[in-house]
PDB file of N, CA and C in Angstrom:
ATOM      1  N   MET A   1     104.557 107.383 122.280  1.00  0.00           N
ATOM      2  CA  MET A   1     103.182 107.283 122.728  1.00  0.00           C
ATOM      3  C   MET A   1     103.171 107.020 124.230  1.00  0.00           C
ATOM      4  N   ASN A   2     102.285 107.696 124.927  1.00  0.00           N
ATOM      5  CA  ASN A   2     102.144 107.489 126.368  1.00  0.00           C
ATOM      6  C   ASN A   2     101.529 106.121 126.638  1.00  0.00           C
ATOM      7  N   GLN A   3     101.906 105.559 127.765  1.00  0.00           N
ATOM      8  CA  GLN A   3     101.307 104.291 128.173  1.00  0.00           C
ATOM      9  C   GLN A   3     100.187 104.595 129.154  1.00  0.00           C
ATOM     10  N   PRO A   4      98.989 104.066 128.889  1.00  0.00           N
ATOM     11  CA  PRO A   4      97.897 104.315 129.827  1.00  0.00           C
ATOM     12  C   PRO A   4      98.134 103.562 131.129  1.00  0.00           C
ATOM     13  N   GLU A   5      97.846 104.206 132.217  1.00  0.00           N
ATOM     14  CA  GLU A   5      97.976 103.574 133.531  1.00  0.00           C
ATOM     15  C   GLU A   5      96.751 103.955 134.358  1.00  0.00           C
ATOM     16  N   PHE A   6      96.214 102.977 135.043  1.00  0.00           N
ATOM     17  CA  PHE A   6      94.998 103.178 135.818  1.00  0.00           C
ATOM     18  C   PHE A   6      95.130 102.613 137.233  1.00  0.00           C
ATOM     19  N   PRO A   7      96.231 102.869 137.938  1.00  0.00           N
ATOM     20  CA  PRO A   7      96.412 102.204 139.239  1.00  0.00           C
ATOM     21  C   PRO A   7      95.327 102.548 140.253  1.00  0.00           C
ATOM     22  N   ASN A   8      94.934 103.800 140.326  1.00  0.00           N
ATOM     23  CA  ASN A   8      93.931 104.184 141.322  1.00  0.00           C
ATOM     24  C   ASN A   8      92.554 103.655 140.973  1.00  0.00           C
ATOM     25  N   VAL A   9      92.208 103.727 139.705  1.00  0.00           N
ATOM     26  CA  VAL A   9      90.903 103.241 139.271  1.00  0.00           C
ATOM     27  C   VAL A   9      90.826 101.727 139.426  1.00  0.00           C
ATOM     28  N   LEU A  10      91.877 101.013 139.009  1.00  0.00           N
ATOM     29  CA  LEU A  10      91.872  99.557 139.156  1.00  0.00           C
ATOM     30  C   LEU A  10      91.809  99.150 140.628  1.00  0.00           C
ATOM     31  N   ARG A  11      92.514  99.859 141.487  1.00  0.00           N
ATOM     32  CA  ARG A  11      92.474  99.554 142.923  1.00  0.00           C
ATOM     33  C   ARG A  11      91.037  99.714 143.446  1.00  0.00           C
ATOM     34  N   GLN A  12      90.357 100.795 143.027  1.00  0.00           N
ATOM     35  CA  GLN A  12      88.986 101.021 143.478  1.00  0.00           C
ATOM     36  C   GLN A  12      88.036  99.970 142.913  1.00  0.00           C
ATOM     37  N   LEU A  13      88.199  99.625 141.632  1.00  0.00           N
ATOM     38  CA  LEU A  13      87.341  98.596 141.040  1.00  0.00           C
ATOM     39  C   LEU A  13      87.525  97.253 141.744  1.00  0.00           C
ATOM     40  N   ARG A  14      88.781  96.919 142.055  1.00  0.00           N
ATOM     41  CA  ARG A  14      89.047  95.656 142.759  1.00  0.00           C
ATOM     42  C   ARG A  14      88.441  95.671 144.169  1.00  0.00           C
ATOM     43  N   HIS A  15      88.507  96.820 144.821  1.00  0.00           N
ATOM     44  CA  HIS A  15      87.910  96.959 146.152  1.00  0.00           C
ATOM     45  C   HIS A  15      86.396  96.747 146.069  1.00  0.00           C
ATOM     46  N   TRP A  16      85.743  97.404 145.108  1.00  0.00           N
ATOM     47  CA  TRP A  16      84.298  97.226 144.932  1.00  0.00           C
ATOM     48  C   TRP A  16      83.965  95.777 144.602  1.00  0.00           C
ATOM     49  N   ARG A  17      84.818  95.138 143.788  1.00  0.00           N
ATOM     50  CA  ARG A  17      84.588  93.737 143.435  1.00  0.00           C
ATOM     51  C   ARG A  17      84.630  92.863 144.688  1.00  0.00           C
ATOM     52  N   GLU A  18      85.616  93.100 145.557  1.00  0.00           N
ATOM     53  CA  GLU A  18      85.712  92.317 146.792  1.00  0.00           C
ATOM     54  C   GLU A  18      84.490  92.527 147.680  1.00  0.00           C
ATOM     55  N   GLU A  19      83.975  93.752 147.737  1.00  0.00           N
ATOM     56  CA  GLU A  19      82.765  94.013 148.514  1.00  0.00           C
ATOM     57  C   GLU A  19      81.585  93.217 147.960  1.00  0.00           C
ATOM     58  N   VAL A  20      81.458  93.192 146.632  1.00  0.00           N
ATOM     59  CA  VAL A  20      80.366  92.449 146.003  1.00  0.00           C
ATOM     60  C   VAL A  20      80.547  90.947 146.237  1.00  0.00           C
ATOM     61  N   VAL A  21      81.768  90.447 146.149  1.00  0.00           N
ATOM     62  CA  VAL A  21      82.038  89.024 146.391  1.00  0.00           C
ATOM     63  C   VAL A  21      81.649  88.665 147.826  1.00  0.00           C
ATOM     64  N   GLU A  22      81.991  89.519 148.786  1.00  0.00           N
ATOM     65  CA  GLU A  22      81.604  89.271 150.186  1.00  0.00           C
ATOM     66  C   GLU A  22      80.091  89.211 150.315  1.00  0.00           C
ATOM     67  N   HIS A  23      79.404  90.135 149.645  1.00  0.00           N
ATOM     68  CA  HIS A  23      77.939  90.136 149.678  1.00  0.00           C
ATOM     69  C   HIS A  23      77.397  88.838 149.073  1.00  0.00           C
ATOM     70  N   LEU A  24      78.000  88.388 147.973  1.00  0.00           N
ATOM     71  CA  LEU A  24      77.538  87.157 147.321  1.00  0.00           C
ATOM     72  C   LEU A  24      77.795  85.917 148.176  1.00  0.00           C
ATOM     73  N   ARG A  25      78.794  85.961 149.040  1.00  0.00           N
ATOM     74  CA  ARG A  25      79.021  84.822 149.948  1.00  0.00           C
ATOM     75  C   ARG A  25      77.853  84.677 150.926  1.00  0.00           C
ATOM     76  N   GLN A  26      77.283  85.818 151.305  1.00  0.00           N
ATOM     77  CA  GLN A  26      76.156  85.784 152.235  1.00  0.00           C
ATOM     78  C   GLN A  26      74.824  85.585 151.509  1.00  0.00           C
ATOM     79  N   PHE A  27      74.719  86.141 150.291  1.00  0.00           N
ATOM     80  CA  PHE A  27      73.477  86.073 149.520  1.00  0.00           C
ATOM     81  C   PHE A  27      73.790  85.616 148.086  1.00  0.00           C
ATOM     82  N   PRO A  28      74.110  84.336 147.903  1.00  0.00           N
ATOM     83  CA  PRO A  28      74.569  83.848 146.598  1.00  0.00           C
ATOM     84  C   PRO A  28      73.535  83.954 145.477  1.00  0.00           C
ATOM     85  N   ALA A  29      72.266  84.088 145.821  1.00  0.00           N
ATOM     86  CA  ALA A  29      71.232  84.143 144.791  1.00  0.00           C
ATOM     87  C   ALA A  29      70.870  85.578 144.386  1.00  0.00           C
ATOM     88  N   ASP A  30      71.619  86.546 144.838  1.00  0.00           N
ATOM     89  CA  ASP A  30      71.305  87.955 144.547  1.00  0.00           C
ATOM     90  C   ASP A  30      71.691  88.285 143.098  1.00  0.00           C
ATOM     91  N   PRO A  31      70.716  88.396 142.203  1.00  0.00           N
ATOM     92  CA  PRO A  31      71.031  88.626 140.793  1.00  0.00           C
ATOM     93  C   PRO A  31      71.648  90.002 140.526  1.00  0.00           C
ATOM     94  N   ILE A  32      71.278  90.993 141.298  1.00  0.00           N
ATOM     95  CA  ILE A  32      71.843  92.333 141.094  1.00  0.00           C
ATOM     96  C   ILE A  32      73.321  92.334 141.462  1.00  0.00           C
ATOM     97  N   ALA A  33      73.661  91.707 142.586  1.00  0.00           N
ATOM     98  CA  ALA A  33      75.066  91.633 143.002  1.00  0.00           C
ATOM     99  C   ALA A  33      75.887  90.820 142.001  1.00  0.00           C
ATOM    100  N   LEU A  34      75.324  89.735 141.504  1.00  0.00           N
ATOM    101  CA  LEU A  34      76.037  88.928 140.517  1.00  0.00           C
ATOM    102  C   LEU A  34      76.290  89.746 139.247  1.00  0.00           C
ATOM    103  N   GLY A  35      75.298  90.507 138.826  1.00  0.00           N
ATOM    104  CA  GLY A  35      75.469  91.371 137.655  1.00  0.00           C
ATOM    105  C   GLY A  35      76.564  92.399 137.871  1.00  0.00           C
ATOM    106  N   LYS A  36      76.596  92.999 139.076  1.00  0.00           N
ATOM    107  CA  LYS A  36      77.657  93.975 139.395  1.00  0.00           C
ATOM    108  C   LYS A  36      79.027  93.321 139.363  1.00  0.00           C
ATOM    109  N   LYS A  37      79.134  92.116 139.921  1.00  0.00           N
ATOM    110  CA  LYS A  37      80.423  91.419 139.928  1.00  0.00           C
ATOM    111  C   LYS A  37      80.894  91.155 138.507  1.00  0.00           C
ATOM    112  N   LEU A  38      80.000  90.681 137.651  1.00  0.00           N
ATOM    113  CA  LEU A  38      80.378  90.406 136.266  1.00  0.00           C
ATOM    114  C   LEU A  38      80.803  91.677 135.532  1.00  0.00           C
ATOM    115  N   GLU A  39      80.104  92.785 135.778  1.00  0.00           N
ATOM    116  CA  GLU A  39      80.488  94.068 135.171  1.00  0.00           C
ATOM    117  C   GLU A  39      81.863  94.517 135.668  1.00  0.00           C
ATOM    118  N   LEU A  40      82.102  94.377 136.967  1.00  0.00           N
ATOM    119  CA  LEU A  40      83.402  94.761 137.525  1.00  0.00           C
ATOM    120  C   LEU A  40      84.513  93.882 136.970  1.00  0.00           C
ATOM    121  N   ASP A  41      84.262  92.568 136.851  1.00  0.00           N
ATOM    122  CA  ASP A  41      85.261  91.671 136.250  1.00  0.00           C
ATOM    123  C   ASP A  41      85.624  92.142 134.839  1.00  0.00           C
ATOM    124  N   THR A  42      84.604  92.482 134.058  1.00  0.00           N
ATOM    125  CA  THR A  42      84.839  92.925 132.678  1.00  0.00           C
ATOM    126  C   THR A  42      85.577  94.261 132.649  1.00  0.00           C
ATOM    127  N   ALA A  43      85.185  95.198 133.486  1.00  0.00           N
ATOM    128  CA  ALA A  43      85.841  96.507 133.513  1.00  0.00           C
ATOM    129  C   ALA A  43      87.315  96.377 133.903  1.00  0.00           C
ATOM    130  N   ILE A  44      87.592  95.548 134.880  1.00  0.00           N
ATOM    131  CA  ILE A  44      88.976  95.336 135.324  1.00  0.00           C
ATOM    132  C   ILE A  44      89.792  94.726 134.190  1.00  0.00           C
ATOM    133  N   ARG A  45      89.255  93.697 133.544  1.00  0.00           N
ATOM    134  CA  ARG A  45      89.980  93.061 132.431  1.00  0.00           C
ATOM    135  C   ARG A  45      90.214  94.051 131.288  1.00  0.00           C
ATOM    136  N   CYS A  46      89.224  94.882 130.995  1.00  0.00           N
ATOM    137  CA  CYS A  46      89.370  95.865 129.911  1.00  0.00           C
ATOM    138  C   CYS A  46      90.487  96.863 130.220  1.00  0.00           C
ATOM    139  N   LEU A  47      90.509  97.395 131.416  1.00  0.00           N
ATOM    140  CA  LEU A  47      91.548  98.364 131.774  1.00  0.00           C
ATOM    141  C   LEU A  47      92.920  97.709 131.829  1.00  0.00           C
ATOM    142  N   GLU A  48      92.998  96.483 132.344  1.00  0.00           N
ATOM    143  CA  GLU A  48      94.286  95.773 132.356  1.00  0.00           C
ATOM    144  C   GLU A  48      94.773  95.526 130.928  1.00  0.00           C
ATOM    145  N   PHE A  49      93.862  95.150 130.036  1.00  0.00           N
ATOM    146  CA  PHE A  49      94.207  94.921 128.637  1.00  0.00           C
ATOM    147  C   PHE A  49      94.722  96.207 127.992  1.00  0.00           C
ATOM    148  N   CYS A  50      94.053  97.327 128.268  1.00  0.00           N
ATOM    149  CA  CYS A  50      94.494  98.611 127.709  1.00  0.00           C
ATOM    150  C   CYS A  50      95.878  98.979 128.230  1.00  0.00           C
ATOM    151  N   GLU A  51      96.144  98.743 129.506  1.00  0.00           N
ATOM    152  CA  GLU A  51      97.473  99.009 130.062  1.00  0.00           C
ATOM    153  C   GLU A  51      98.525  98.142 129.387  1.00  0.00           C
ATOM    154  N   GLU A  52      98.279  96.841 129.350  1.00  0.00           N
ATOM    155  CA  GLU A  52      99.258  95.896 128.809  1.00  0.00           C
ATOM    156  C   GLU A  52      99.512  96.127 127.320  1.00  0.00           C
ATOM    157  N   SER A  53      98.465  96.479 126.576  1.00  0.00           N
ATOM    158  CA  SER A  53      98.574  96.635 125.129  1.00  0.00           C
ATOM    159  C   SER A  53      98.832  98.080 124.712  1.00  0.00           C
ATOM    160  N   ARG A  54      98.924  98.966 125.705  1.00  0.00           N
ATOM    161  CA  ARG A  54      99.159 100.395 125.444  1.00  0.00           C
ATOM    162  C   ARG A  54      98.095 100.994 124.536  1.00  0.00           C
ATOM    163  N   ILE A  55      96.869 100.667 124.812  1.00  0.00           N
ATOM    164  CA  ILE A  55      95.750 101.174 124.030  1.00  0.00           C
ATOM    165  C   ILE A  55      95.238 102.450 124.683  1.00  0.00           C
ATOM    166  N   MET A  56      95.372 103.536 123.945  1.00  0.00           N
ATOM    167  CA  MET A  56      94.925 104.844 124.415  1.00  0.00           C
ATOM    168  C   MET A  56      93.559 105.163 123.795  1.00  0.00           C
ATOM    169  N   PRO A  57      92.743 105.965 124.459  1.00  0.00           N
ATOM    170  CA  PRO A  57      91.434 106.305 123.889  1.00  0.00           C
ATOM    171  C   PRO A  57      91.537 107.185 122.644  1.00  0.00           C
ATOM    172  N   THR A  58      92.725 107.696 122.336  1.00  0.00           N
ATOM    173  CA  THR A  58      92.892 108.506 121.133  1.00  0.00           C
ATOM    174  C   THR A  58      93.089 107.640 119.886  1.00  0.00           C
ATOM    175  N   LEU A  59      93.325 106.337 120.069  1.00  0.00           N
ATOM    176  CA  LEU A  59      93.481 105.447 118.927  1.00  0.00           C
ATOM    177  C   LEU A  59      92.137 105.248 118.235  1.00  0.00           C
ATOM    178  N   ARG A  60      92.202 105.003 116.933  1.00  0.00           N
ATOM    179  CA  ARG A  60      90.988 104.709 116.165  1.00  0.00           C
ATOM    180  C   ARG A  60      91.021 103.231 115.782  1.00  0.00           C
ATOM    181  N   ALA A  61      89.905 102.567 115.944  1.00  0.00           N
ATOM    182  CA  ALA A  61      89.790 101.157 115.561  1.00  0.00           C
ATOM    183  C   ALA A  61      89.083 101.081 114.214  1.00  0.00           C
ATOM    184  N   LEU A  62      89.765 100.465 113.246  1.00  0.00           N
ATOM    185  CA  LEU A  62      89.195 100.308 111.910  1.00  0.00           C
ATOM    186  C   LEU A  62      88.975  98.826 111.639  1.00  0.00           C
ATOM    187  N   PRO A  63      87.723  98.396 111.412  1.00  0.00           N
ATOM    188  CA  PRO A  63      87.509  96.991 111.069  1.00  0.00           C
ATOM    189  C   PRO A  63      87.971  96.733 109.635  1.00  0.00           C
ATOM    190  N   LEU A  64      88.686  95.649 109.428  1.00  0.00           N
ATOM    191  CA  LEU A  64      89.123  95.303 108.084  1.00  0.00           C
ATOM    192  C   LEU A  64      87.906  94.868 107.271  1.00  0.00           C
ATOM    193  N   PRO A  65      87.766  95.392 106.054  1.00  0.00           N
ATOM    194  CA  PRO A  65      86.582  95.076 105.251  1.00  0.00           C
ATOM    195  C   PRO A  65      86.659  93.676 104.661  1.00  0.00           C
ATOM    196  N   ALA A  66      85.518  93.170 104.281  1.00  0.00           N
ATOM    197  CA  ALA A  66      85.450  91.867 103.611  1.00  0.00           C
ATOM    198  C   ALA A  66      85.458  92.113 102.103  1.00  0.00           C
ATOM    199  N   PRO A  67      86.489  91.622 101.407  1.00  0.00           N
ATOM    200  CA  PRO A  67      86.469  91.741  99.942  1.00  0.00           C
ATOM    201  C   PRO A  67      85.255  91.001  99.386  1.00  0.00           C
ATOM    202  N   GLU A  68      84.685  91.529  98.313  1.00  0.00           N
ATOM    203  CA  GLU A  68      83.478  90.929  97.743  1.00  0.00           C
ATOM    204  C   GLU A  68      83.795  89.633  97.008  1.00  0.00           C
ATOM    205  N   ASN A  69      82.917  88.663  97.174  1.00  0.00           N
ATOM    206  CA  ASN A  69      82.946  87.411  96.418  1.00  0.00           C
ATOM    207  C   ASN A  69      84.260  86.645  96.516  1.00  0.00           C
ATOM    208  N   THR A  70      84.922  86.694  97.653  1.00  0.00           N
ATOM    209  CA  THR A  70      86.168  85.944  97.806  1.00  0.00           C
ATOM    210  C   THR A  70      86.409  85.637  99.274  1.00  0.00           C
ATOM    211  N   HIS A  71      87.270  84.671  99.514  1.00  0.00           N
ATOM    212  CA  HIS A  71      87.682  84.327 100.872  1.00  0.00           C
ATOM    213  C   HIS A  71      89.198  84.436 100.932  1.00  0.00           C
ATOM    214  N   GLY A  72      89.743  84.652 102.105  1.00  0.00           N
ATOM    215  CA  GLY A  72      91.181  84.720 102.249  1.00  0.00           C
ATOM    216  C   GLY A  72      91.571  85.463 103.505  1.00  0.00           C
ATOM    217  N   GLU A  73      92.820  85.842 103.561  1.00  0.00           N
ATOM    218  CA  GLU A  73      93.384  86.547 104.721  1.00  0.00           C
ATOM    219  C   GLU A  73      94.115  87.791 104.234  1.00  0.00           C
ATOM    220  N   PHE A  74      94.262  88.731 105.142  1.00  0.00           N
ATOM    221  CA  PHE A  74      95.129  89.878 104.896  1.00  0.00           C
ATOM    222  C   PHE A  74      96.517  89.497 105.403  1.00  0.00           C
ATOM    223  N   ARG A  75      97.541  89.927 104.700  1.00  0.00           N
ATOM    224  CA  ARG A  75      98.914  89.704 105.126  1.00  0.00           C
ATOM    225  C   ARG A  75      99.566  91.071 105.300  1.00  0.00           C
ATOM    226  N   LEU A  76     100.282  91.227 106.394  1.00  0.00           N
ATOM    227  CA  LEU A  76     100.943  92.489 106.680  1.00  0.00           C
ATOM    228  C   LEU A  76     102.374  92.418 106.161  1.00  0.00           C
ATOM    229  N   MET A  77     102.698  93.328 105.271  1.00  0.00           N
ATOM    230  CA  MET A  77     104.006  93.322 104.611  1.00  0.00           C
ATOM    231  C   MET A  77     104.770  94.609 104.929  1.00  0.00           C
ATOM    232  N   TRP A  78     106.103  94.508 104.993  1.00  0.00           N
ATOM    233  CA  TRP A  78     106.986  95.664 105.086  1.00  0.00           C
ATOM    234  C   TRP A  78     107.548  95.869 103.693  1.00  0.00           C
ATOM    235  N   ASP A  79     107.353  97.077 103.132  1.00  0.00           N
ATOM    236  CA  ASP A  79     107.673  97.266 101.719  1.00  0.00           C
ATOM    237  C   ASP A  79     109.051  97.872 101.444  1.00  0.00           C
ATOM    238  N   TYR A  80     109.800  98.195 102.481  1.00  0.00           N
ATOM    239  CA  TYR A  80     111.148  98.775 102.317  1.00  0.00           C
ATOM    240  C   TYR A  80     111.145  99.979 101.371  1.00  0.00           C
ATOM    241  N   GLU A  81     110.020 100.691 101.360  1.00  0.00           N
ATOM    242  CA  GLU A  81     109.859 101.898 100.540  1.00  0.00           C
ATOM    243  C   GLU A  81     110.137 101.644  99.062  1.00  0.00           C
ATOM    244  N   THR A  82     109.706 100.481  98.573  1.00  0.00           N
ATOM    245  CA  THR A  82     109.862 100.158  97.156  1.00  0.00           C
ATOM    246  C   THR A  82     108.575  99.533  96.639  1.00  0.00           C
ATOM    247  N   GLU A  83     108.295  99.733  95.385  1.00  0.00           N
ATOM    248  CA  GLU A  83     107.137  99.107  94.745  1.00  0.00           C
ATOM    249  C   GLU A  83     107.472  97.699  94.251  1.00  0.00           C
ATOM    250  N   ASP A  84     108.726  97.293  94.344  1.00  0.00           N
ATOM    251  CA  ASP A  84     109.156  95.972  93.910  1.00  0.00           C
ATOM    252  C   ASP A  84     108.722  94.951  94.958  1.00  0.00           C
ATOM    253  N   ARG A  85     107.670  94.216  94.669  1.00  0.00           N
ATOM    254  CA  ARG A  85     107.114  93.267  95.630  1.00  0.00           C
ATOM    255  C   ARG A  85     108.077  92.133  95.967  1.00  0.00           C
ATOM    256  N   MET A  86     109.059  91.919  95.147  1.00  0.00           N
ATOM    257  CA  MET A  86     110.063  90.881  95.446  1.00  0.00           C
ATOM    258  C   MET A  86     110.893  91.264  96.676  1.00  0.00           C
ATOM    259  N   CYS A  87     110.960  92.565  96.983  1.00  0.00           N
ATOM    260  CA  CYS A  87     111.729  93.044  98.135  1.00  0.00           C
ATOM    261  C   CYS A  87     110.889  93.077  99.414  1.00  0.00           C
ATOM    262  N   TRP A  88     109.593  92.952  99.275  1.00  0.00           N
ATOM    263  CA  TRP A  88     108.729  93.043 100.430  1.00  0.00           C
ATOM    264  C   TRP A  88     108.923  91.833 101.340  1.00  0.00           C
ATOM    265  N   GLN A  89     108.727  92.078 102.648  1.00  0.00           N
ATOM    266  CA  GLN A  89     108.881  91.003 103.630  1.00  0.00           C
ATOM    267  C   GLN A  89     107.641  90.943 104.503  1.00  0.00           C
ATOM    268  N   GLU A  90     107.116  89.739 104.685  1.00  0.00           N
ATOM    269  CA  GLU A  90     105.930  89.550 105.513  1.00  0.00           C
ATOM    270  C   GLU A  90     106.295  89.686 106.984  1.00  0.00           C
ATOM    271  N   LEU A  91     105.456  90.398 107.724  1.00  0.00           N
ATOM    272  CA  LEU A  91     105.678  90.586 109.163  1.00  0.00           C
ATOM    273  C   LEU A  91     105.528  89.251 109.880  1.00  0.00           C
ATOM    274  N   ARG A  92     106.490  88.968 110.754  1.00  0.00           N
ATOM    275  CA  ARG A  92     106.433  87.763 111.597  1.00  0.00           C
ATOM    276  C   ARG A  92     106.601  88.204 113.045  1.00  0.00           C
ATOM    277  N   VAL A  93     105.834  87.586 113.908  1.00  0.00           N
ATOM    278  CA  VAL A  93     105.949  87.817 115.343  1.00  0.00           C
ATOM    279  C   VAL A  93     106.115  86.446 115.974  1.00  0.00           C
ATOM    280  N   GLY A  94     107.208  86.265 116.699  1.00  0.00           N
ATOM    281  CA  GLY A  94     107.493  84.964 117.290  1.00  0.00           C
ATOM    282  C   GLY A  94     107.694  83.890 116.234  1.00  0.00           C
ATOM    283  N   GLY A  95     108.196  84.292 115.093  1.00  0.00           N
ATOM    284  CA  GLY A  95     108.455  83.340 114.022  1.00  0.00           C
ATOM    285  C   GLY A  95     107.238  82.989 113.177  1.00  0.00           C
ATOM    286  N   GLU A  96     106.073  83.470 113.551  1.00  0.00           N
ATOM    287  CA  GLU A  96     104.837  83.164 112.826  1.00  0.00           C
ATOM    288  C   GLU A  96     104.380  84.389 112.040  1.00  0.00           C
ATOM    289  N   PRO A  97     103.873  84.186 110.809  1.00  0.00           N
ATOM    290  CA  PRO A  97     103.374  85.329 110.040  1.00  0.00           C
ATOM    291  C   PRO A  97     102.127  85.922 110.687  1.00  0.00           C
ATOM    292  N   VAL A  98     102.014  87.237 110.609  1.00  0.00           N
ATOM    293  CA  VAL A  98     100.842  87.932 111.135  1.00  0.00           C
ATOM    294  C   VAL A  98      99.784  87.939 110.037  1.00  0.00           C
ATOM    295  N   ARG A  99      98.641  87.376 110.323  1.00  0.00           N
ATOM    296  CA  ARG A  99      97.544  87.309 109.362  1.00  0.00           C
ATOM    297  C   ARG A  99      96.302  87.905 110.015  1.00  0.00           C
ATOM    298  N   ALA A 100      95.450  88.460 109.209  1.00  0.00           N
ATOM    299  CA  ALA A 100      94.197  89.036 109.694  1.00  0.00           C
ATOM    300  C   ALA A 100      93.076  88.612 108.756  1.00  0.00           C
ATOM    301  N   ILE A 101      91.866  88.612 109.283  1.00  0.00           N
ATOM    302  CA  ILE A 101      90.697  88.276 108.484  1.00  0.00           C
ATOM    303  C   ILE A 101      89.711  89.431 108.541  1.00  0.00           C
ATOM    304  N   PRO A 102      88.765  89.483 107.597  1.00  0.00           N
ATOM    305  CA  PRO A 102      87.770  90.545 107.631  1.00  0.00           C
ATOM    306  C   PRO A 102      87.080  90.610 108.993  1.00  0.00           C
ATOM    307  N   GLY A 103      86.934  91.822 109.486  1.00  0.00           N
ATOM    308  CA  GLY A 103      86.337  92.046 110.800  1.00  0.00           C
ATOM    309  C   GLY A 103      87.353  92.261 111.890  1.00  0.00           C
ATOM    310  N   ASP A 104      88.598  91.803 111.693  1.00  0.00           N
ATOM    311  CA  ASP A 104      89.659  92.085 112.668  1.00  0.00           C
ATOM    312  C   ASP A 104      89.843  93.602 112.740  1.00  0.00           C
ATOM    313  N   LEU A 105      90.285  94.086 113.877  1.00  0.00           N
ATOM    314  CA  LEU A 105      90.447  95.517 114.064  1.00  0.00           C
ATOM    315  C   LEU A 105      91.907  95.932 113.884  1.00  0.00           C
ATOM    316  N   LEU A 106      92.088  97.040 113.196  1.00  0.00           N
ATOM    317  CA  LEU A 106      93.381  97.653 113.038  1.00  0.00           C
ATOM    318  C   LEU A 106      93.363  98.927 113.871  1.00  0.00           C
ATOM    319  N   LEU A 107      94.279  99.056 114.823  1.00  0.00           N
ATOM    320  CA  LEU A 107      94.342 100.261 115.660  1.00  0.00           C
ATOM    321  C   LEU A 107      95.297 101.252 115.025  1.00  0.00           C
ATOM    322  N   ARG A 108      94.827 102.490 114.869  1.00  0.00           N
ATOM    323  CA  ARG A 108      95.648 103.535 114.249  1.00  0.00           C
ATOM    324  C   ARG A 108      95.810 104.683 115.220  1.00  0.00           C
ATOM    325  N   GLN A 109      96.999 105.278 115.171  1.00  0.00           N
ATOM    326  CA  GLN A 109      97.266 106.438 116.023  1.00  0.00           C
ATOM    327  C   GLN A 109      96.661 107.683 115.428  1.00  0.00           C
TER     328      GLN A 109
END
């Protein structure tokens, strides 16, 4: 999978952000400039997150459904290509089991 990279766009967004910050230093009560700064902060964080997490726009996000009339967590298991659940192993990252709850997003290629 390709890794998304946005060096030119991020550089331009950061430049625009600095221009807005300079404007806000002179006119701190300008609500339009403050709104632009907040939007630029969010856009920069979103693109950085996509770069770091290798999130491509071709991925599909699927929200995990809520099972009816019950509470609990989803557990991600590796099945070793067998139906024998005794052989299955729960996914761990950093020594901790990976758990998900209804509404969490699953990214699919």
